[in-house]
């Protein structure tokens, strides 16, 4: 059990990892990665009940599926710091023959990665299969997922959302990163979706809102409430309100850093706002 200070220190180090990874190869997606740092740090270090080591079956342990795979920098950093593979391997991000491709893949055999998630909108469908398999195996552990709000514009999501409630997949907690931004602008500009909460509720889900999605304590409280709702006949959705680019002032509140790496001067500025806490790889 980590305390809030330890989780925050890890989050700051994860942010440094993200920035250095995308800068090194002048490629990657820092905005959403920075915005989800607190959530994934809390998930892997406090919320999920997971075993040491990794196997694809994930029997009798909580499992996680990243659907918006372009935020791989934060995913890789959190996995490395959680012990799935050496932190030094973050140096190979997006390089030829690296296991750390721009979007996570399973054929590379990277521990912690359960699905390839380059194509948006598919993660919930896979997670539903895993959740139903757990029920068939009398496995009472949970399945967690993360999705972008812009990703919900993909139609396959809504087939899966409808299926989840119809089949009472109540061992699933799907978190939506509500940062209001996507690659071409704000989600309201590109394709307004109205009330995502009302949509999930209309599809038969229990829905919780975490209004401070970049606050560790708020995340822990909200996810504990979500977990308490599982096993009651409905899938659970958590609407996590984050800020894209959080922790780096010039990257916040804009879609501009969805998929753009900082230059040398920008990197120095960003790292200065996130002092080294656990040691750079």
C-alpha atoms as a PDB file:
ATOM      1  CA  UNK A   1       0.000   0.000   0.000  1.00  0.00           C
ATOM      2  CA  UNK A   2       1.558   3.248  -1.165  1.00  0.00           C
ATOM      3  CA  UNK A   3       0.719   6.597   0.402  1.00  0.00           C
ATOM      4  CA  UNK A   4      -0.345   9.632  -1.615  1.00  0.00           C
ATOM      5  CA  UNK A   5       3.121  11.224  -1.514  1.00  0.00           C
ATOM      6  CA  UNK A   6       4.721   8.065  -2.897  1.00  0.00           C
ATOM      7  CA  UNK A   7       2.138   7.849  -5.670  1.00  0.00           C
ATOM      8  CA  UNK A   8       2.611  11.524  -6.523  1.00  0.00           C
ATOM      9  CA  UNK A   9       6.399  11.146  -6.644  1.00  0.00           C
ATOM     10  CA  UNK A  10       5.984   8.192  -8.989  1.00  0.00           C
ATOM     11  CA  UNK A  11       3.570  10.211 -11.134  1.00  0.00           C
ATOM     12  CA  UNK A  12       6.117  13.003 -11.472  1.00  0.00           C
ATOM     13  CA  UNK A  13       8.788  10.518 -12.504  1.00  0.00           C
ATOM     14  CA  UNK A  14       6.398   8.947 -15.012  1.00  0.00           C
ATOM     15  CA  UNK A  15       5.836  12.397 -16.509  1.00  0.00           C
ATOM     16  CA  UNK A  16       9.578  12.826 -16.904  1.00  0.00           C
ATOM     17  CA  UNK A  17       9.748   9.431 -18.607  1.00  0.00           C
ATOM     18  CA  UNK A  18       6.972  10.395 -21.027  1.00  0.00           C
ATOM     19  CA  UNK A  19       8.634  13.651 -21.982  1.00  0.00           C
ATOM     20  CA  UNK A  20      12.083  12.137 -22.444  1.00  0.00           C
ATOM     21  CA  UNK A  21      10.759   9.177 -24.436  1.00  0.00           C
ATOM     22  CA  UNK A  22       8.875  11.205 -27.031  1.00  0.00           C
ATOM     23  CA  UNK A  23      11.630  13.828 -27.243  1.00  0.00           C
ATOM     24  CA  UNK A  24      14.339  11.266 -27.938  1.00  0.00           C
ATOM     25  CA  UNK A  25      12.621   9.945 -31.071  1.00  0.00           C
ATOM     26  CA  UNK A  26      10.746  13.166 -31.930  1.00  0.00           C
ATOM     27  CA  UNK A  27       7.588  11.087 -32.072  1.00  0.00           C
ATOM     28  CA  UNK A  28       4.738   9.989 -29.851  1.00  0.00           C
ATOM     29  CA  UNK A  29       1.711  11.235 -27.947  1.00  0.00           C
ATOM     30  CA  UNK A  30       2.577  13.231 -24.814  1.00  0.00           C
ATOM     31  CA  UNK A  31      -0.715  15.083 -24.242  1.00  0.00           C
ATOM     32  CA  UNK A  32      -3.030  12.233 -23.287  1.00  0.00           C
ATOM     33  CA  UNK A  33      -0.167  10.367 -21.643  1.00  0.00           C
ATOM     34  CA  UNK A  34       0.505  13.225 -19.246  1.00  0.00           C
ATOM     35  CA  UNK A  35      -3.197  13.597 -18.517  1.00  0.00           C
ATOM     36  CA  UNK A  36      -3.601   9.939 -17.524  1.00  0.00           C
ATOM     37  CA  UNK A  37      -0.443   9.635 -15.429  1.00  0.00           C
ATOM     38  CA  UNK A  38      -2.162   9.839 -12.032  1.00  0.00           C
ATOM     39  CA  UNK A  39      -4.842   7.357 -13.038  1.00  0.00           C
ATOM     40  CA  UNK A  40      -2.502   4.656 -14.313  1.00  0.00           C
ATOM     41  CA  UNK A  41      -0.072   5.100 -11.414  1.00  0.00           C
ATOM     42  CA  UNK A  42      -2.944   4.696  -8.952  1.00  0.00           C
ATOM     43  CA  UNK A  43      -4.423   1.784 -10.892  1.00  0.00           C
ATOM     44  CA  UNK A  44      -1.262  -0.319 -10.976  1.00  0.00           C
ATOM     45  CA  UNK A  45       0.085   0.586  -7.558  1.00  0.00           C
ATOM     46  CA  UNK A  46      -3.031   0.786  -5.402  1.00  0.00           C
ATOM     47  CA  UNK A  47      -6.298  -0.130  -7.101  1.00  0.00           C
ATOM     48  CA  UNK A  48      -5.781  -3.377  -8.987  1.00  0.00           C
ATOM     49  CA  UNK A  49      -5.284  -6.707  -7.261  1.00  0.00           C
ATOM     50  CA  UNK A  50      -2.489  -8.151  -9.391  1.00  0.00           C
ATOM     51  CA  UNK A  51       0.067 -10.914  -9.047  1.00  0.00           C
ATOM     52  CA  UNK A  52       3.810 -10.733  -9.404  1.00  0.00           C
ATOM     53  CA  UNK A  53       4.953 -11.563 -12.918  1.00  0.00           C
ATOM     54  CA  UNK A  54       2.744 -11.701 -15.993  1.00  0.00           C
ATOM     55  CA  UNK A  55       0.801 -14.246 -17.973  1.00  0.00           C
ATOM     56  CA  UNK A  56      -1.843 -13.713 -20.616  1.00  0.00           C
ATOM     57  CA  UNK A  57      -4.515 -15.748 -18.810  1.00  0.00           C
ATOM     58  CA  UNK A  58      -4.627 -13.394 -15.830  1.00  0.00           C
ATOM     59  CA  UNK A  59      -6.455 -15.944 -13.706  1.00  0.00           C
ATOM     60  CA  UNK A  60      -7.483 -14.855 -10.210  1.00  0.00           C
ATOM     61  CA  UNK A  61      -6.116 -11.355 -10.620  1.00  0.00           C
ATOM     62  CA  UNK A  62      -7.455  -8.047 -11.908  1.00  0.00           C
ATOM     63  CA  UNK A  63      -6.483  -7.275 -15.502  1.00  0.00           C
ATOM     64  CA  UNK A  64      -6.298  -4.057 -17.511  1.00  0.00           C
ATOM     65  CA  UNK A  65      -6.835  -3.298 -21.193  1.00  0.00           C
ATOM     66  CA  UNK A  66      -5.634  -0.019 -22.706  1.00  0.00           C
ATOM     67  CA  UNK A  67      -7.963   0.841 -25.578  1.00  0.00           C
ATOM     68  CA  UNK A  68      -6.540   4.250 -26.552  1.00  0.00           C
ATOM     69  CA  UNK A  69      -3.153   2.735 -27.321  1.00  0.00           C
ATOM     70  CA  UNK A  70      -1.553   5.929 -28.581  1.00  0.00           C
ATOM     71  CA  UNK A  71      -0.925   6.929 -24.948  1.00  0.00           C
ATOM     72  CA  UNK A  72       1.641   4.131 -24.820  1.00  0.00           C
ATOM     73  CA  UNK A  73       4.343   6.348 -23.242  1.00  0.00           C
ATOM     74  CA  UNK A  74       2.489   6.534 -19.923  1.00  0.00           C
ATOM     75  CA  UNK A  75       1.485   2.867 -20.144  1.00  0.00           C
ATOM     76  CA  UNK A  76       5.064   1.716 -20.737  1.00  0.00           C
ATOM     77  CA  UNK A  77       6.469   3.889 -17.959  1.00  0.00           C
ATOM     78  CA  UNK A  78       3.901   2.685 -15.417  1.00  0.00           C
ATOM     79  CA  UNK A  79       4.448  -0.955 -16.415  1.00  0.00           C
ATOM     80  CA  UNK A  80       8.214  -0.581 -16.095  1.00  0.00           C
ATOM     81  CA  UNK A  81       8.027   1.051 -12.671  1.00  0.00           C
ATOM     82  CA  UNK A  82       5.581  -1.682 -11.601  1.00  0.00           C
ATOM     83  CA  UNK A  83       8.248  -4.289 -12.378  1.00  0.00           C
ATOM     84  CA  UNK A  84       6.965  -5.801 -15.621  1.00  0.00           C
ATOM     85  CA  UNK A  85      10.213  -5.058 -17.454  1.00  0.00           C
ATOM     86  CA  UNK A  86      13.382  -3.030 -16.784  1.00  0.00           C
ATOM     87  CA  UNK A  87      12.916   0.737 -16.612  1.00  0.00           C
ATOM     88  CA  UNK A  88      16.027   1.091 -18.801  1.00  0.00           C
ATOM     89  CA  UNK A  89      14.078  -0.435 -21.694  1.00  0.00           C
ATOM     90  CA  UNK A  90      12.133   2.822 -21.948  1.00  0.00           C
ATOM     91  CA  UNK A  91      15.229   4.035 -23.836  1.00  0.00           C
ATOM     92  CA  UNK A  92      14.106   1.899 -26.798  1.00  0.00           C
ATOM     93  CA  UNK A  93      10.690   3.556 -27.253  1.00  0.00           C
ATOM     94  CA  UNK A  94       9.647   3.582 -30.939  1.00  0.00           C
ATOM     95  CA  UNK A  95      13.017   2.311 -32.152  1.00  0.00           C
ATOM     96  CA  UNK A  96      13.383  -0.393 -34.810  1.00  0.00           C
ATOM     97  CA  UNK A  97      13.073  -3.896 -33.277  1.00  0.00           C
ATOM     98  CA  UNK A  98      12.008  -2.448 -29.904  1.00  0.00           C
ATOM     99  CA  UNK A  99       9.310  -4.156 -27.853  1.00  0.00           C
ATOM    100  CA  UNK A 100       8.041  -0.642 -27.053  1.00  0.00           C
ATOM    101  CA  UNK A 101       6.331   0.264 -30.293  1.00  0.00           C
ATOM    102  CA  UNK A 102       4.366   3.484 -30.753  1.00  0.00           C
ATOM    103  CA  UNK A 103       1.166   1.548 -30.142  1.00  0.00           C
ATOM    104  CA  UNK A 104       1.317  -1.511 -27.870  1.00  0.00           C
ATOM    105  CA  UNK A 105       1.444  -4.902 -29.574  1.00  0.00           C
ATOM    106  CA  UNK A 106       1.296  -8.430 -28.228  1.00  0.00           C
ATOM    107  CA  UNK A 107       3.567 -10.138 -30.763  1.00  0.00           C
ATOM    108  CA  UNK A 108       6.563  -8.374 -29.219  1.00  0.00           C
ATOM    109  CA  UNK A 109       5.958 -10.320 -25.996  1.00  0.00           C
ATOM    110  CA  UNK A 110       6.159  -7.257 -23.750  1.00  0.00           C
ATOM    111  CA  UNK A 111       4.941  -8.190 -20.249  1.00  0.00           C
ATOM    112  CA  UNK A 112       1.847  -6.252 -19.228  1.00  0.00           C
ATOM    113  CA  UNK A 113       0.452  -5.806 -22.743  1.00  0.00           C
ATOM    114  CA  UNK A 114      -2.672  -7.912 -23.312  1.00  0.00           C
ATOM    115  CA  UNK A 115      -3.912  -6.533 -26.648  1.00  0.00           C
ATOM    116  CA  UNK A 116      -2.653  -4.569 -29.626  1.00  0.00           C
ATOM    117  CA  UNK A 117      -4.447  -1.237 -29.408  1.00  0.00           C
ATOM    118  CA  UNK A 118      -3.397   0.874 -32.355  1.00  0.00           C
ATOM    119  CA  UNK A 119      -6.888   0.916 -33.838  1.00  0.00           C
ATOM    120  CA  UNK A 120      -9.250   2.875 -31.600  1.00  0.00           C
ATOM    121  CA  UNK A 121     -12.581   1.591 -30.357  1.00  0.00           C
ATOM    122  CA  UNK A 122     -11.713  -2.078 -29.911  1.00  0.00           C
ATOM    123  CA  UNK A 123     -10.561  -2.355 -26.304  1.00  0.00           C
ATOM    124  CA  UNK A 124     -13.973  -2.681 -24.685  1.00  0.00           C
ATOM    125  CA  UNK A 125     -14.949  -5.590 -26.939  1.00  0.00           C
ATOM    126  CA  UNK A 126     -11.819  -7.508 -25.932  1.00  0.00           C
ATOM    127  CA  UNK A 127     -12.308  -6.649 -22.265  1.00  0.00           C
ATOM    128  CA  UNK A 128     -15.859  -7.993 -22.373  1.00  0.00           C
ATOM    129  CA  UNK A 129     -14.551 -11.329 -23.570  1.00  0.00           C
ATOM    130  CA  UNK A 130     -12.033 -11.398 -20.746  1.00  0.00           C
ATOM    131  CA  UNK A 131     -14.703 -10.447 -18.206  1.00  0.00           C
ATOM    132  CA  UNK A 132     -17.040 -13.182 -19.367  1.00  0.00           C
ATOM    133  CA  UNK A 133     -14.178 -15.694 -19.327  1.00  0.00           C
ATOM    134  CA  UNK A 134     -13.558 -14.808 -15.686  1.00  0.00           C
ATOM    135  CA  UNK A 135     -17.175 -15.556 -14.896  1.00  0.00           C
ATOM    136  CA  UNK A 136     -16.955 -18.929 -16.674  1.00  0.00           C
ATOM    137  CA  UNK A 137     -13.831 -19.710 -14.649  1.00  0.00           C
ATOM    138  CA  UNK A 138     -15.505 -18.672 -11.367  1.00  0.00           C
ATOM    139  CA  UNK A 139     -12.827 -15.987 -11.106  1.00  0.00           C
ATOM    140  CA  UNK A 140     -14.129 -13.119  -8.972  1.00  0.00           C
ATOM    141  CA  UNK A 141     -11.434 -10.604  -9.951  1.00  0.00           C
ATOM    142  CA  UNK A 142     -12.166  -7.561 -12.095  1.00  0.00           C
ATOM    143  CA  UNK A 143     -11.439  -6.260 -15.578  1.00  0.00           C
ATOM    144  CA  UNK A 144     -10.432  -2.592 -15.961  1.00  0.00           C
ATOM    145  CA  UNK A 145     -10.250  -0.584 -19.188  1.00  0.00           C
ATOM    146  CA  UNK A 146      -9.280   2.921 -20.273  1.00  0.00           C
ATOM    147  CA  UNK A 147     -10.707   4.781 -23.272  1.00  0.00           C
ATOM    148  CA  UNK A 148     -10.369   8.272 -24.711  1.00  0.00           C
ATOM    149  CA  UNK A 149     -13.465  10.462 -24.969  1.00  0.00           C
ATOM    150  CA  UNK A 150     -12.770  11.118 -28.648  1.00  0.00           C
ATOM    151  CA  UNK A 151     -12.443   7.374 -29.084  1.00  0.00           C
ATOM    152  CA  UNK A 152     -16.130   7.020 -28.251  1.00  0.00           C
ATOM    153  CA  UNK A 153     -16.876   8.420 -31.710  1.00  0.00           C
ATOM    154  CA  UNK A 154     -15.985   4.922 -32.983  1.00  0.00           C
ATOM    155  CA  UNK A 155     -19.163   2.885 -33.452  1.00  0.00           C
ATOM    156  CA  UNK A 156     -17.828  -0.429 -32.169  1.00  0.00           C
ATOM    157  CA  UNK A 157     -17.737   1.032 -28.671  1.00  0.00           C
ATOM    158  CA  UNK A 158     -21.500   1.381 -28.592  1.00  0.00           C
ATOM    159  CA  UNK A 159     -22.084  -2.187 -29.726  1.00  0.00           C
ATOM    160  CA  UNK A 160     -19.892  -3.286 -26.810  1.00  0.00           C
ATOM    161  CA  UNK A 161     -21.563  -0.874 -24.378  1.00  0.00           C
ATOM    162  CA  UNK A 162     -24.971  -2.264 -25.345  1.00  0.00           C
ATOM    163  CA  UNK A 163     -23.737  -5.865 -25.067  1.00  0.00           C
ATOM    164  CA  UNK A 164     -22.150  -5.309 -21.634  1.00  0.00           C
ATOM    165  CA  UNK A 165     -25.397  -4.297 -19.980  1.00  0.00           C
ATOM    166  CA  UNK A 166     -27.544  -6.793 -21.886  1.00  0.00           C
ATOM    167  CA  UNK A 167     -25.322  -9.653 -20.697  1.00  0.00           C
ATOM    168  CA  UNK A 168     -24.917  -8.198 -17.176  1.00  0.00           C
ATOM    169  CA  UNK A 169     -21.126  -8.027 -17.361  1.00  0.00           C
ATOM    170  CA  UNK A 170     -20.821  -6.628 -13.852  1.00  0.00           C
ATOM    171  CA  UNK A 171     -17.145  -7.466 -13.250  1.00  0.00           C
ATOM    172  CA  UNK A 172     -16.031  -4.678 -15.593  1.00  0.00           C
ATOM    173  CA  UNK A 173     -15.008  -1.075 -14.810  1.00  0.00           C
ATOM    174  CA  UNK A 174     -14.518   1.062 -17.923  1.00  0.00           C
ATOM    175  CA  UNK A 175     -12.876   4.446 -17.391  1.00  0.00           C
ATOM    176  CA  UNK A 176     -13.318   7.239 -19.928  1.00  0.00           C
ATOM    177  CA  UNK A 177     -10.597   9.906 -20.069  1.00  0.00           C
ATOM    178  CA  UNK A 178     -12.695  13.048 -20.407  1.00  0.00           C
ATOM    179  CA  UNK A 179     -10.111  15.637 -21.444  1.00  0.00           C
ATOM    180  CA  UNK A 180     -12.273  17.169 -24.166  1.00  0.00           C
ATOM    181  CA  UNK A 181      -9.485  17.038 -26.765  1.00  0.00           C
ATOM    182  CA  UNK A 182      -8.611  14.881 -29.762  1.00  0.00           C
ATOM    183  CA  UNK A 183      -6.154  15.015 -32.622  1.00  0.00           C
ATOM    184  CA  UNK A 184      -7.974  17.650 -34.703  1.00  0.00           C
ATOM    185  CA  UNK A 185      -9.374  19.865 -31.954  1.00  0.00           C
ATOM    186  CA  UNK A 186     -11.803  19.759 -29.076  1.00  0.00           C
ATOM    187  CA  UNK A 187     -14.252  16.877 -29.029  1.00  0.00           C
ATOM    188  CA  UNK A 188     -17.110  19.384 -29.109  1.00  0.00           C
ATOM    189  CA  UNK A 189     -15.700  20.883 -32.307  1.00  0.00           C
ATOM    190  CA  UNK A 190     -14.880  17.636 -34.110  1.00  0.00           C
ATOM    191  CA  UNK A 191     -18.028  15.690 -33.211  1.00  0.00           C
ATOM    192  CA  UNK A 192     -20.157  16.764 -30.232  1.00  0.00           C
ATOM    193  CA  UNK A 193     -21.322  13.752 -28.243  1.00  0.00           C
ATOM    194  CA  UNK A 194     -23.682  15.411 -25.796  1.00  0.00           C
ATOM    195  CA  UNK A 195     -23.850  13.898 -22.327  1.00  0.00           C
ATOM    196  CA  UNK A 196     -21.644  10.809 -22.203  1.00  0.00           C
ATOM    197  CA  UNK A 197     -23.027  10.091 -18.738  1.00  0.00           C
ATOM    198  CA  UNK A 198     -26.596  10.084 -20.028  1.00  0.00           C
ATOM    199  CA  UNK A 199     -25.613   7.830 -22.922  1.00  0.00           C
ATOM    200  CA  UNK A 200     -24.014   5.192 -20.697  1.00  0.00           C
ATOM    201  CA  UNK A 201     -26.945   5.331 -18.293  1.00  0.00           C
ATOM    202  CA  UNK A 202     -29.380   4.924 -21.194  1.00  0.00           C
ATOM    203  CA  UNK A 203     -27.423   1.832 -22.200  1.00  0.00           C
ATOM    204  CA  UNK A 204     -27.917   0.374 -18.724  1.00  0.00           C
ATOM    205  CA  UNK A 205     -24.595   1.123 -17.000  1.00  0.00           C
ATOM    206  CA  UNK A 206     -23.880   2.477 -13.533  1.00  0.00           C
ATOM    207  CA  UNK A 207     -21.916   5.706 -13.995  1.00  0.00           C
ATOM    208  CA  UNK A 208     -19.628   7.561 -11.591  1.00  0.00           C
ATOM    209  CA  UNK A 209     -17.873  10.872 -12.155  1.00  0.00           C
ATOM    210  CA  UNK A 210     -14.408  11.820 -10.900  1.00  0.00           C
ATOM    211  CA  UNK A 211     -14.250  15.572 -11.430  1.00  0.00           C
ATOM    212  CA  UNK A 212     -10.614  15.897 -10.328  1.00  0.00           C
ATOM    213  CA  UNK A 213      -9.066  13.272 -12.569  1.00  0.00           C
ATOM    214  CA  UNK A 214      -5.536  14.503 -11.957  1.00  0.00           C
ATOM    215  CA  UNK A 215      -5.823  14.230  -8.179  1.00  0.00           C
ATOM    216  CA  UNK A 216      -4.573  10.968  -6.662  1.00  0.00           C
ATOM    217  CA  UNK A 217      -6.936  11.000  -3.675  1.00  0.00           C
ATOM    218  CA  UNK A 218      -9.967  11.764  -5.845  1.00  0.00           C
ATOM    219  CA  UNK A 219      -9.049   8.895  -8.162  1.00  0.00           C
ATOM    220  CA  UNK A 220      -8.639   6.441  -5.283  1.00  0.00           C
ATOM    221  CA  UNK A 221     -11.978   7.482  -3.789  1.00  0.00           C
ATOM    222  CA  UNK A 222     -13.810   7.294  -7.102  1.00  0.00           C
ATOM    223  CA  UNK A 223     -12.392   3.923  -8.075  1.00  0.00           C
ATOM    224  CA  UNK A 224     -13.202   2.492  -4.649  1.00  0.00           C
ATOM    225  CA  UNK A 225     -16.806   3.575  -5.187  1.00  0.00           C
ATOM    226  CA  UNK A 226     -16.750   2.010  -8.653  1.00  0.00           C
ATOM    227  CA  UNK A 227     -15.434  -1.257  -7.276  1.00  0.00           C
ATOM    228  CA  UNK A 228     -18.216  -1.292  -4.683  1.00  0.00           C
ATOM    229  CA  UNK A 229     -20.774  -1.215  -7.513  1.00  0.00           C
ATOM    230  CA  UNK A 230     -19.430  -4.324  -9.240  1.00  0.00           C
ATOM    231  CA  UNK A 231     -21.232  -7.644  -8.911  1.00  0.00           C
ATOM    232  CA  UNK A 232     -24.667  -6.009  -8.857  1.00  0.00           C
ATOM    233  CA  UNK A 233     -25.827  -6.826 -12.373  1.00  0.00           C
ATOM    234  CA  UNK A 234     -24.529  -3.789 -14.256  1.00  0.00           C
ATOM    235  CA  UNK A 235     -21.200  -2.819 -15.844  1.00  0.00           C
ATOM    236  CA  UNK A 236     -19.603   0.260 -14.308  1.00  0.00           C
ATOM    237  CA  UNK A 237     -18.357   3.377 -16.115  1.00  0.00           C
ATOM    238  CA  UNK A 238     -16.078   5.984 -14.527  1.00  0.00           C
ATOM    239  CA  UNK A 239     -15.974   9.394 -16.196  1.00  0.00           C
ATOM    240  CA  UNK A 240     -12.527  10.729 -15.339  1.00  0.00           C
ATOM    241  CA  UNK A 241     -12.216  14.456 -16.009  1.00  0.00           C
ATOM    242  CA  UNK A 242      -8.552  15.119 -16.779  1.00  0.00           C
ATOM    243  CA  UNK A 243      -6.506  17.854 -18.419  1.00  0.00           C
ATOM    244  CA  UNK A 244      -4.550  16.892 -21.525  1.00  0.00           C
ATOM    245  CA  UNK A 245      -0.875  17.690 -20.984  1.00  0.00           C
ATOM    246  CA  UNK A 246      -1.341  17.980 -17.221  1.00  0.00           C
ATOM    247  CA  UNK A 247       1.837  18.903 -15.339  1.00  0.00           C
ATOM    248  CA  UNK A 248       3.359  20.902 -18.192  1.00  0.00           C
ATOM    249  CA  UNK A 249       1.814  24.363 -18.373  1.00  0.00           C
ATOM    250  CA  UNK A 250       2.315  24.992 -22.103  1.00  0.00           C
ATOM    251  CA  UNK A 251       0.830  21.610 -23.048  1.00  0.00           C
ATOM    252  CA  UNK A 252      -2.372  21.938 -21.007  1.00  0.00           C
ATOM    253  CA  UNK A 253      -5.897  22.720 -22.257  1.00  0.00           C
ATOM    254  CA  UNK A 254      -5.099  22.241 -25.938  1.00  0.00           C
ATOM    255  CA  UNK A 255      -5.111  19.468 -28.533  1.00  0.00           C
ATOM    256  CA  UNK A 256      -1.824  20.760 -29.976  1.00  0.00           C
ATOM    257  CA  UNK A 257       0.250  18.251 -27.989  1.00  0.00           C
ATOM    258  CA  UNK A 258      -1.897  15.240 -28.780  1.00  0.00           C
ATOM    259  CA  UNK A 259       0.820  13.796 -30.999  1.00  0.00           C
ATOM    260  CA  UNK A 260       3.762  16.216 -31.046  1.00  0.00           C
ATOM    261  CA  UNK A 261       7.120  15.865 -29.316  1.00  0.00           C
ATOM    262  CA  UNK A 262       8.816  18.783 -27.531  1.00  0.00           C
ATOM    263  CA  UNK A 263      12.033  20.270 -28.904  1.00  0.00           C
ATOM    264  CA  UNK A 264      15.148  20.653 -26.763  1.00  0.00           C
ATOM    265  CA  UNK A 265      14.117  23.971 -25.230  1.00  0.00           C
ATOM    266  CA  UNK A 266      10.574  22.790 -24.565  1.00  0.00           C
ATOM    267  CA  UNK A 267      11.844  19.581 -22.988  1.00  0.00           C
ATOM    268  CA  UNK A 268      14.064  21.514 -20.589  1.00  0.00           C
ATOM    269  CA  UNK A 269      11.123  23.718 -19.632  1.00  0.00           C
ATOM    270  CA  UNK A 270       8.812  20.735 -19.120  1.00  0.00           C
ATOM    271  CA  UNK A 271      11.328  18.764 -17.067  1.00  0.00           C
ATOM    272  CA  UNK A 272      11.921  21.839 -14.939  1.00  0.00           C
ATOM    273  CA  UNK A 273       8.251  21.708 -13.972  1.00  0.00           C
ATOM    274  CA  UNK A 274       8.583  18.032 -13.011  1.00  0.00           C
ATOM    275  CA  UNK A 275      11.702  17.621 -10.856  1.00  0.00           C
ATOM    276  CA  UNK A 276      13.355  14.211 -10.760  1.00  0.00           C
ATOM    277  CA  UNK A 277      11.955  12.135  -7.910  1.00  0.00           C
ATOM    278  CA  UNK A 278      12.944   8.482  -8.382  1.00  0.00           C
ATOM    279  CA  UNK A 279      15.854   8.787 -10.800  1.00  0.00           C
ATOM    280  CA  UNK A 280      15.840   9.030 -14.592  1.00  0.00           C
ATOM    281  CA  UNK A 281      16.447   5.869 -16.586  1.00  0.00           C
END
